[in-house]
C-alpha cells in the first residue's frame, strides 16, 4: 500500500484528498467476482488518503492503485502480475527487495542497495575491505518525508497504535 500511496502523491494527489471506503466488486474473465474486504470487514465511508493509509484500508488502496499504478522503481524486480490485488500486497516478493525498497522513505528518497558483505576485518578488527554504499534517488525527498510521516501515524493512531513499542513521536 505504501508504494501505491507514494505513486499517488507523485501524481498530484494530496494526502488531504477525500476517498471513499465502500464496497467494491470486480469481474475477471473466467473467474468468480472478486469482492475485496477490509481486515475488519467494515467500510468507513469518506476519509482522507492519509487516514486510508494509516488505517490500512484495502478498498481505498485498491481504487487508488487502479488510478495511479504502483511504483516499480523502488527496486522490486520480482515478476508481479498487474492485477488490482497487488495494491494491497497480494504478491510474493523477495523479502530483501521489499526491505531495500522501504529504505527510500528513511533516506530522503534514496534507495539503499542491499549488500551481502558489509566489511572484511582481520583478527584484530581492522577493516581490510568495505564496499561503498550505493544509493539511488528514486523519489523526491518531500514525498519520502510525507509518506514517512503517515507511516508514523500507523503507530500513533493507526493499525499499530497501542502495541508494545508504539511510543513514537
N, C-alpha and C. Protein backbone atom coordinates (compact mmCIF):
# COMPACT_ATOMS: atom_id res chain seq x y z
N UNK A 1 0.83 -1.20 0.00
CA UNK A 1 0.00 0.00 0.00
C UNK A 1 0.86 1.25 0.00
N UNK A 2 1.97 1.19 0.70
CA UNK A 2 2.84 2.36 0.80
C UNK A 2 3.27 2.85 -0.57
N UNK A 3 3.59 1.93 -1.46
CA UNK A 3 4.08 2.33 -2.79
C UNK A 3 2.96 2.89 -3.66
N UNK A 4 1.75 2.41 -3.47
CA UNK A 4 0.60 2.96 -4.20
C UNK A 4 0.35 4.40 -3.76
N UNK A 5 0.36 4.64 -2.46
CA UNK A 5 0.12 5.99 -1.96
C UNK A 5 1.27 6.93 -2.35
N UNK A 6 2.48 6.40 -2.43
CA UNK A 6 3.61 7.21 -2.90
C UNK A 6 3.39 7.61 -4.35
N UNK A 7 2.99 6.67 -5.18
CA UNK A 7 2.71 6.98 -6.59
C UNK A 7 1.59 8.02 -6.70
N UNK A 8 0.62 7.94 -5.81
CA UNK A 8 -0.48 8.91 -5.82
C UNK A 8 0.02 10.31 -5.48
N UNK A 9 0.87 10.42 -4.46
CA UNK A 9 1.43 11.73 -4.12
C UNK A 9 2.20 12.30 -5.30
N UNK A 10 2.99 11.47 -5.95
CA UNK A 10 3.78 11.93 -7.09
C UNK A 10 2.89 12.32 -8.27
N UNK A 11 1.71 11.73 -8.35
CA UNK A 11 0.78 12.05 -9.43
C UNK A 11 -0.07 13.28 -9.10
N UNK A 12 0.18 13.89 -7.94
CA UNK A 12 -0.53 15.12 -7.60
C UNK A 12 -1.69 14.96 -6.64
N UNK A 13 -1.91 13.77 -6.11
CA UNK A 13 -2.98 13.57 -5.13
C UNK A 13 -2.46 13.95 -3.74
N UNK A 14 -3.04 14.96 -3.10
CA UNK A 14 -2.58 15.32 -1.75
C UNK A 14 -3.10 14.32 -0.71
N UNK A 15 -2.41 14.23 0.40
CA UNK A 15 -2.85 13.34 1.48
C UNK A 15 -4.20 13.77 2.06
N UNK A 16 -4.59 15.01 1.81
CA UNK A 16 -5.87 15.51 2.30
C UNK A 16 -7.04 15.19 1.35
N UNK A 17 -6.73 14.61 0.20
CA UNK A 17 -7.79 14.25 -0.76
C UNK A 17 -8.74 13.25 -0.14
N UNK A 18 -10.02 13.41 -0.45
CA UNK A 18 -11.05 12.51 0.08
C UNK A 18 -11.22 11.31 -0.85
N UNK A 19 -11.25 10.15 -0.25
CA UNK A 19 -11.55 8.91 -0.95
C UNK A 19 -12.71 8.25 -0.21
N UNK A 20 -13.25 7.21 -0.79
CA UNK A 20 -14.38 6.53 -0.16
C UNK A 20 -14.05 5.06 0.06
N UNK A 21 -14.18 4.64 1.30
CA UNK A 21 -14.00 3.25 1.69
C UNK A 21 -15.39 2.61 1.68
N UNK A 22 -15.72 1.97 0.56
CA UNK A 22 -17.03 1.33 0.43
C UNK A 22 -16.87 0.03 -0.35
N UNK A 23 -17.96 -0.66 -0.56
CA UNK A 23 -17.89 -1.97 -1.22
C UNK A 23 -17.39 -1.82 -2.65
N UNK A 24 -16.71 -2.88 -3.10
CA UNK A 24 -16.11 -2.90 -4.42
C UNK A 24 -16.16 -4.33 -4.93
N UNK A 25 -16.59 -4.51 -6.14
CA UNK A 25 -16.59 -5.83 -6.78
C UNK A 25 -16.06 -5.70 -8.19
N UNK A 26 -15.31 -6.69 -8.63
CA UNK A 26 -14.73 -6.69 -9.97
C UNK A 26 -14.91 -8.05 -10.60
N UNK A 27 -15.20 -8.02 -11.88
CA UNK A 27 -15.33 -9.26 -12.64
C UNK A 27 -14.10 -9.43 -13.52
N UNK A 28 -13.58 -10.65 -13.53
CA UNK A 28 -12.45 -11.00 -14.38
C UNK A 28 -12.85 -12.20 -15.22
N UNK A 29 -12.50 -12.20 -16.48
CA UNK A 29 -12.89 -13.31 -17.37
C UNK A 29 -12.47 -14.67 -16.81
N UNK A 30 -13.43 -15.59 -16.78
CA UNK A 30 -13.15 -16.95 -16.35
C UNK A 30 -12.98 -17.13 -14.85
N UNK A 31 -13.31 -16.11 -14.06
CA UNK A 31 -13.15 -16.19 -12.61
C UNK A 31 -14.42 -15.71 -11.92
N UNK A 32 -14.53 -16.07 -10.66
CA UNK A 32 -15.64 -15.55 -9.86
C UNK A 32 -15.44 -14.05 -9.64
N UNK A 33 -16.51 -13.36 -9.30
CA UNK A 33 -16.42 -11.94 -8.99
C UNK A 33 -15.52 -11.76 -7.77
N UNK A 34 -14.60 -10.80 -7.87
CA UNK A 34 -13.70 -10.51 -6.76
C UNK A 34 -14.29 -9.37 -5.95
N UNK A 35 -14.53 -9.61 -4.67
CA UNK A 35 -15.08 -8.60 -3.77
C UNK A 35 -14.14 -8.48 -2.57
N UNK A 36 -13.14 -7.60 -2.68
CA UNK A 36 -12.19 -7.46 -1.58
C UNK A 36 -12.85 -6.84 -0.35
N UNK A 37 -12.26 -7.12 0.78
CA UNK A 37 -12.76 -6.61 2.06
C UNK A 37 -11.63 -5.91 2.81
N UNK A 38 -11.99 -5.14 3.80
CA UNK A 38 -11.02 -4.61 4.74
C UNK A 38 -10.81 -5.66 5.83
N UNK A 39 -9.70 -5.56 6.55
CA UNK A 39 -9.38 -6.56 7.57
C UNK A 39 -10.47 -6.70 8.62
N UNK A 40 -11.21 -5.61 8.91
CA UNK A 40 -12.25 -5.65 9.94
C UNK A 40 -13.64 -5.93 9.36
N UNK A 41 -13.70 -6.19 8.05
CA UNK A 41 -14.94 -6.49 7.34
C UNK A 41 -15.95 -5.34 7.39
N UNK A 42 -15.45 -4.12 7.61
CA UNK A 42 -16.31 -2.93 7.67
C UNK A 42 -15.85 -1.91 6.64
N UNK A 43 -16.76 -0.99 6.30
CA UNK A 43 -16.43 0.13 5.44
C UNK A 43 -16.63 1.40 6.24
N UNK A 44 -15.73 2.35 6.11
CA UNK A 44 -15.78 3.57 6.90
C UNK A 44 -16.21 4.81 6.12
N UNK A 45 -16.55 4.65 4.85
CA UNK A 45 -17.03 5.79 4.07
C UNK A 45 -15.94 6.77 3.70
N UNK A 46 -16.29 8.06 3.73
CA UNK A 46 -15.36 9.12 3.30
C UNK A 46 -14.22 9.28 4.30
N UNK A 47 -13.02 9.42 3.74
CA UNK A 47 -11.83 9.65 4.57
C UNK A 47 -10.72 10.22 3.69
N UNK A 48 -9.72 10.79 4.33
CA UNK A 48 -8.58 11.32 3.58
C UNK A 48 -7.68 10.16 3.15
N UNK A 49 -6.86 10.43 2.15
CA UNK A 49 -5.88 9.42 1.74
C UNK A 49 -4.94 9.10 2.90
N UNK A 50 -4.59 10.13 3.67
CA UNK A 50 -3.71 9.92 4.83
C UNK A 50 -4.32 8.89 5.78
N UNK A 51 -5.58 9.07 6.12
CA UNK A 51 -6.24 8.15 7.04
C UNK A 51 -6.37 6.76 6.42
N UNK A 52 -6.66 6.70 5.13
CA UNK A 52 -6.78 5.41 4.46
C UNK A 52 -5.47 4.62 4.56
N UNK A 53 -4.34 5.32 4.46
CA UNK A 53 -3.05 4.63 4.58
C UNK A 53 -2.75 4.25 6.02
N UNK A 54 -2.89 5.18 6.97
CA UNK A 54 -2.52 4.81 8.34
C UNK A 54 -3.50 3.84 8.98
N UNK A 55 -4.73 3.76 8.45
CA UNK A 55 -5.67 2.76 8.93
C UNK A 55 -5.60 1.47 8.09
N UNK A 56 -4.74 1.47 7.08
CA UNK A 56 -4.51 0.31 6.22
C UNK A 56 -5.79 -0.20 5.58
N UNK A 57 -6.58 0.72 5.05
CA UNK A 57 -7.85 0.35 4.41
C UNK A 57 -7.58 -0.20 3.01
N UNK A 58 -8.05 -1.40 2.76
CA UNK A 58 -7.80 -2.07 1.49
C UNK A 58 -8.52 -1.44 0.31
N UNK A 59 -9.79 -1.11 0.49
CA UNK A 59 -10.59 -0.64 -0.65
C UNK A 59 -10.04 0.67 -1.22
N UNK A 60 -9.75 1.69 -0.41
CA UNK A 60 -9.15 2.90 -0.98
C UNK A 60 -7.80 2.62 -1.67
N UNK A 61 -7.01 1.72 -1.11
CA UNK A 61 -5.71 1.39 -1.73
C UNK A 61 -5.91 0.75 -3.10
N UNK A 62 -6.88 -0.13 -3.22
CA UNK A 62 -7.15 -0.79 -4.50
C UNK A 62 -7.63 0.23 -5.52
N UNK A 63 -8.58 1.09 -5.11
CA UNK A 63 -9.10 2.10 -6.03
C UNK A 63 -7.98 3.04 -6.49
N UNK A 64 -7.15 3.46 -5.56
CA UNK A 64 -6.06 4.36 -5.88
C UNK A 64 -5.04 3.67 -6.77
N UNK A 65 -4.73 2.43 -6.47
CA UNK A 65 -3.78 1.67 -7.28
C UNK A 65 -4.24 1.52 -8.72
N UNK A 66 -5.53 1.37 -8.92
CA UNK A 66 -6.05 1.25 -10.28
C UNK A 66 -5.93 2.59 -11.03
N UNK A 67 -5.92 3.70 -10.30
CA UNK A 67 -5.77 5.02 -10.93
C UNK A 67 -4.31 5.35 -11.24
N UNK A 68 -3.43 5.12 -10.28
CA UNK A 68 -2.05 5.60 -10.41
C UNK A 68 -1.03 4.50 -10.65
N UNK A 69 -1.42 3.25 -10.50
CA UNK A 69 -0.46 2.17 -10.65
C UNK A 69 0.39 2.03 -9.40
N UNK A 70 1.49 1.35 -9.55
CA UNK A 70 2.39 1.19 -8.42
C UNK A 70 3.79 1.59 -8.85
N UNK A 71 4.65 1.76 -7.90
CA UNK A 71 5.98 2.31 -8.17
C UNK A 71 7.02 1.20 -8.25
N UNK A 72 7.39 0.78 -9.45
CA UNK A 72 8.37 -0.30 -9.63
C UNK A 72 9.81 0.17 -9.44
N UNK A 73 10.05 1.46 -9.49
CA UNK A 73 11.43 1.95 -9.45
C UNK A 73 12.11 1.78 -8.10
N UNK A 74 11.39 1.25 -7.14
CA UNK A 74 11.96 1.05 -5.81
C UNK A 74 12.86 -0.17 -5.74
N UNK A 75 13.05 -0.85 -6.85
CA UNK A 75 13.98 -1.96 -6.89
C UNK A 75 13.36 -3.33 -6.79
N UNK A 76 12.06 -3.43 -6.81
CA UNK A 76 11.41 -4.73 -6.79
C UNK A 76 11.46 -5.29 -8.20
N UNK A 77 12.23 -6.35 -8.38
CA UNK A 77 12.38 -6.95 -9.70
C UNK A 77 11.58 -8.23 -9.85
N UNK A 78 11.01 -8.71 -8.77
CA UNK A 78 10.18 -9.90 -8.82
C UNK A 78 9.04 -9.67 -9.80
N UNK A 79 8.76 -10.66 -10.62
CA UNK A 79 7.67 -10.54 -11.59
C UNK A 79 6.34 -10.57 -10.84
N UNK A 80 5.64 -9.45 -10.87
CA UNK A 80 4.37 -9.30 -10.17
C UNK A 80 3.27 -9.08 -11.20
N UNK A 81 2.24 -9.89 -11.14
CA UNK A 81 1.13 -9.76 -12.10
C UNK A 81 0.44 -8.41 -11.92
N UNK A 82 0.09 -7.74 -13.02
CA UNK A 82 -0.59 -6.43 -12.95
C UNK A 82 -2.08 -6.58 -12.67
N UNK A 83 -2.41 -6.96 -11.45
CA UNK A 83 -3.80 -7.13 -11.05
C UNK A 83 -4.09 -6.20 -9.87
N UNK A 84 -5.35 -5.84 -9.67
CA UNK A 84 -5.68 -4.88 -8.60
C UNK A 84 -5.23 -5.31 -7.20
N UNK A 85 -5.15 -6.60 -6.93
CA UNK A 85 -4.80 -7.05 -5.58
C UNK A 85 -3.35 -6.75 -5.20
N UNK A 86 -2.49 -6.40 -6.17
CA UNK A 86 -1.12 -6.06 -5.79
C UNK A 86 -1.08 -4.77 -4.97
N UNK A 87 -2.11 -3.94 -5.10
CA UNK A 87 -2.17 -2.69 -4.33
C UNK A 87 -2.29 -2.94 -2.84
N UNK A 88 -2.70 -4.13 -2.45
CA UNK A 88 -2.81 -4.45 -1.03
C UNK A 88 -1.82 -5.54 -0.62
N UNK A 89 -0.78 -5.71 -1.45
CA UNK A 89 0.30 -6.61 -1.09
C UNK A 89 0.09 -8.07 -1.41
N UNK A 90 -0.83 -8.38 -2.32
CA UNK A 90 -1.12 -9.77 -2.65
C UNK A 90 -0.17 -10.27 -3.74
N UNK A 91 1.11 -10.25 -3.43
CA UNK A 91 2.11 -10.75 -4.37
C UNK A 91 3.29 -11.29 -3.57
N UNK A 92 3.91 -12.32 -4.10
CA UNK A 92 5.11 -12.86 -3.47
C UNK A 92 6.30 -12.05 -3.97
N UNK A 93 6.99 -11.40 -3.04
CA UNK A 93 8.15 -10.59 -3.37
C UNK A 93 9.29 -11.06 -2.48
N UNK A 94 10.49 -11.07 -3.04
CA UNK A 94 11.67 -11.45 -2.27
C UNK A 94 11.81 -10.48 -1.10
N UNK A 95 11.89 -10.98 0.14
CA UNK A 95 11.94 -10.08 1.31
C UNK A 95 13.04 -9.02 1.23
N UNK A 96 14.23 -9.38 0.75
CA UNK A 96 15.31 -8.40 0.65
C UNK A 96 14.94 -7.26 -0.29
N UNK A 97 14.18 -7.54 -1.34
CA UNK A 97 13.76 -6.49 -2.27
C UNK A 97 12.81 -5.50 -1.60
N UNK A 98 11.88 -6.01 -0.83
CA UNK A 98 10.91 -5.11 -0.20
C UNK A 98 11.58 -4.31 0.92
N UNK A 99 12.51 -4.94 1.63
CA UNK A 99 13.26 -4.23 2.67
C UNK A 99 14.05 -3.09 2.04
N UNK A 100 14.75 -3.38 0.95
CA UNK A 100 15.54 -2.35 0.27
C UNK A 100 14.63 -1.25 -0.27
N UNK A 101 13.46 -1.61 -0.76
CA UNK A 101 12.53 -0.62 -1.30
C UNK A 101 12.12 0.38 -0.22
N UNK A 102 11.88 -0.10 0.99
CA UNK A 102 11.47 0.79 2.08
C UNK A 102 12.59 1.72 2.55
N UNK A 103 13.84 1.43 2.21
CA UNK A 103 14.93 2.32 2.64
C UNK A 103 14.78 3.71 2.04
N UNK A 104 14.10 3.83 0.91
CA UNK A 104 13.93 5.14 0.28
C UNK A 104 13.17 6.12 1.17
N UNK A 105 12.27 5.61 1.97
CA UNK A 105 11.48 6.50 2.82
C UNK A 105 12.31 7.06 3.97
N UNK A 106 13.22 6.27 4.49
CA UNK A 106 14.05 6.71 5.61
C UNK A 106 15.28 7.49 5.16
N UNK A 107 15.58 7.48 3.87
CA UNK A 107 16.79 8.11 3.35
C UNK A 107 16.49 9.25 2.37
N UNK A 108 15.48 10.04 2.66
CA UNK A 108 15.14 11.21 1.83
C UNK A 108 14.98 10.86 0.35
N UNK A 109 14.35 9.71 0.09
CA UNK A 109 14.07 9.33 -1.28
C UNK A 109 15.15 8.52 -1.95
N UNK A 110 16.22 8.23 -1.24
CA UNK A 110 17.30 7.43 -1.80
C UNK A 110 17.16 5.97 -1.37
N UNK A 111 17.08 5.10 -2.37
CA UNK A 111 17.01 3.66 -2.09
C UNK A 111 18.43 3.15 -1.90
N UNK A 112 18.66 2.47 -0.78
CA UNK A 112 19.98 1.89 -0.50
C UNK A 112 20.05 0.48 -1.08
N UNK A 113 21.06 0.26 -1.90
CA UNK A 113 21.26 -1.07 -2.48
C UNK A 113 21.68 -2.03 -1.36
N UNK A 114 21.04 -3.20 -1.28
CA UNK A 114 21.46 -4.17 -0.27
C UNK A 114 22.86 -4.69 -0.55
N UNK A 115 23.59 -4.99 0.50
CA UNK A 115 24.95 -5.50 0.36
C UNK A 115 25.09 -6.74 1.24
N UNK A 116 25.53 -7.81 0.62
CA UNK A 116 25.67 -9.07 1.35
C UNK A 116 26.84 -9.05 2.32
N UNK A 117 27.91 -8.37 1.95
CA UNK A 117 29.09 -8.29 2.81
C UNK A 117 29.28 -6.83 3.21
N UNK A 118 29.22 -6.59 4.51
CA UNK A 118 29.34 -5.22 4.99
C UNK A 118 30.80 -4.78 5.12
N UNK A 119 31.68 -5.72 5.49
CA UNK A 119 33.11 -5.42 5.57
C UNK A 119 33.88 -6.71 5.85
N UNK A 120 35.18 -6.63 5.60
CA UNK A 120 36.09 -7.74 5.90
C UNK A 120 37.10 -7.19 6.90
N UNK A 121 37.23 -7.88 8.03
CA UNK A 121 38.17 -7.45 9.07
C UNK A 121 39.22 -8.51 9.30
N UNK A 122 40.38 -8.06 9.77
CA UNK A 122 41.39 -9.03 10.18
C UNK A 122 41.12 -9.44 11.61
N UNK A 123 41.94 -10.30 12.16
CA UNK A 123 41.67 -10.82 13.51
C UNK A 123 41.74 -9.75 14.59
N UNK A 124 42.37 -8.60 14.29
CA UNK A 124 42.46 -7.51 15.26
C UNK A 124 41.30 -6.52 15.14
N UNK A 125 40.42 -6.77 14.18
CA UNK A 125 39.27 -5.89 13.99
C UNK A 125 39.51 -4.75 13.03
N UNK A 126 40.69 -4.71 12.42
CA UNK A 126 40.98 -3.67 11.43
C UNK A 126 40.24 -4.00 10.14
N UNK A 127 39.65 -3.00 9.54
CA UNK A 127 38.88 -3.21 8.31
C UNK A 127 39.85 -3.34 7.14
N UNK A 128 39.77 -4.49 6.46
CA UNK A 128 40.61 -4.75 5.29
C UNK A 128 39.91 -4.31 4.01
N UNK A 129 38.60 -4.43 3.99
CA UNK A 129 37.82 -4.05 2.82
C UNK A 129 36.41 -3.72 3.25
N UNK A 130 35.86 -2.69 2.64
CA UNK A 130 34.48 -2.31 2.90
C UNK A 130 33.91 -1.70 1.62
N UNK A 131 32.78 -2.24 1.14
CA UNK A 131 32.21 -1.70 -0.10
C UNK A 131 31.62 -0.32 0.14
N UNK A 132 31.63 0.49 -0.90
CA UNK A 132 31.00 1.80 -0.83
C UNK A 132 29.49 1.60 -0.83
N UNK A 133 28.80 2.39 -0.03
CA UNK A 133 27.34 2.29 -0.04
C UNK A 133 26.84 2.84 -1.36
N UNK A 134 25.80 2.21 -1.88
CA UNK A 134 25.21 2.64 -3.14
C UNK A 134 23.78 3.07 -2.88
N UNK A 135 23.51 4.30 -3.23
CA UNK A 135 22.16 4.84 -3.08
C UNK A 135 21.69 5.41 -4.40
N UNK A 136 20.41 5.21 -4.68
CA UNK A 136 19.81 5.69 -5.91
C UNK A 136 18.61 6.55 -5.55
N UNK A 137 18.56 7.77 -6.06
CA UNK A 137 17.43 8.65 -5.79
C UNK A 137 16.22 8.13 -6.57
N UNK A 138 15.18 7.70 -5.86
CA UNK A 138 14.00 7.13 -6.52
C UNK A 138 12.74 7.98 -6.35
N UNK A 139 12.79 8.95 -5.43
CA UNK A 139 11.67 9.88 -5.29
C UNK A 139 12.13 11.15 -4.61
N UNK A 140 11.32 12.16 -4.73
CA UNK A 140 11.64 13.46 -4.14
C UNK A 140 11.69 13.35 -2.62
N UNK A 141 12.65 14.02 -1.98
CA UNK A 141 12.73 13.98 -0.52
C UNK A 141 11.42 14.40 0.17
N UNK A 142 10.72 15.37 -0.39
CA UNK A 142 9.48 15.83 0.25
C UNK A 142 8.41 14.74 0.23
N UNK A 143 8.37 13.94 -0.82
CA UNK A 143 7.42 12.83 -0.89
C UNK A 143 7.81 11.76 0.13
N UNK A 144 9.10 11.46 0.21
CA UNK A 144 9.59 10.48 1.19
C UNK A 144 9.22 10.92 2.61
N UNK A 145 9.39 12.21 2.90
CA UNK A 145 9.07 12.72 4.23
C UNK A 145 7.58 12.57 4.54
N UNK A 146 6.73 12.94 3.58
CA UNK A 146 5.28 12.86 3.82
C UNK A 146 4.83 11.42 4.04
N UNK A 147 5.33 10.49 3.25
CA UNK A 147 4.96 9.09 3.44
C UNK A 147 5.48 8.58 4.78
N UNK A 148 6.71 8.94 5.13
CA UNK A 148 7.27 8.53 6.42
C UNK A 148 6.42 9.06 7.57
N UNK A 149 5.93 10.29 7.44
CA UNK A 149 5.08 10.86 8.48
C UNK A 149 3.78 10.08 8.61
N UNK A 150 3.19 9.68 7.49
CA UNK A 150 1.97 8.86 7.55
C UNK A 150 2.28 7.51 8.18
N UNK A 151 3.43 6.94 7.86
CA UNK A 151 3.80 5.65 8.46
C UNK A 151 3.98 5.79 9.98
N UNK A 152 4.41 6.95 10.43
CA UNK A 152 4.45 7.20 11.88
C UNK A 152 3.03 7.19 12.46
N UNK A 153 2.08 7.70 11.67
CA UNK A 153 0.68 7.70 12.11
C UNK A 153 0.14 6.28 12.30
N UNK A 154 0.68 5.32 11.56
CA UNK A 154 0.26 3.93 11.75
C UNK A 154 0.47 3.54 13.21
N UNK A 155 1.58 4.00 13.77
CA UNK A 155 1.90 3.67 15.17
C UNK A 155 1.21 4.63 16.13
N UNK A 156 1.12 5.90 15.76
CA UNK A 156 0.49 6.90 16.64
C UNK A 156 -1.00 6.65 16.84
N UNK A 157 -1.72 6.37 15.73
CA UNK A 157 -3.17 6.26 15.84
C UNK A 157 -3.79 5.29 14.84
N UNK A 158 -2.96 4.55 14.15
CA UNK A 158 -3.46 3.62 13.13
C UNK A 158 -3.51 2.19 13.61
N UNK A 159 -3.24 1.27 12.70
CA UNK A 159 -3.39 -0.15 12.99
C UNK A 159 -2.37 -0.68 13.98
N UNK A 160 -1.28 0.05 14.24
CA UNK A 160 -0.29 -0.40 15.22
C UNK A 160 -0.38 0.36 16.54
N UNK A 161 -1.34 1.27 16.67
CA UNK A 161 -1.49 2.04 17.91
C UNK A 161 -1.80 1.11 19.07
N UNK A 162 -1.15 1.38 20.18
CA UNK A 162 -1.40 0.58 21.38
C UNK A 162 -0.59 -0.70 21.46
N UNK A 163 0.25 -0.97 20.45
CA UNK A 163 1.09 -2.16 20.51
C UNK A 163 2.34 -1.85 21.31
N UNK A 164 2.99 -2.89 21.76
CA UNK A 164 4.24 -2.72 22.51
C UNK A 164 5.25 -1.98 21.64
N UNK A 165 5.89 -0.99 22.20
CA UNK A 165 6.89 -0.24 21.46
C UNK A 165 6.33 0.81 20.53
N UNK A 166 5.06 1.15 20.69
CA UNK A 166 4.46 2.11 19.76
C UNK A 166 4.55 3.55 20.24
N UNK A 167 5.42 3.82 21.17
CA UNK A 167 5.57 5.19 21.68
C UNK A 167 6.53 5.95 20.78
N UNK A 168 6.03 6.45 19.66
CA UNK A 168 6.86 7.16 18.69
C UNK A 168 6.33 8.57 18.53
N UNK A 169 7.20 9.50 18.32
CA UNK A 169 6.79 10.90 18.13
C UNK A 169 6.92 11.33 16.71
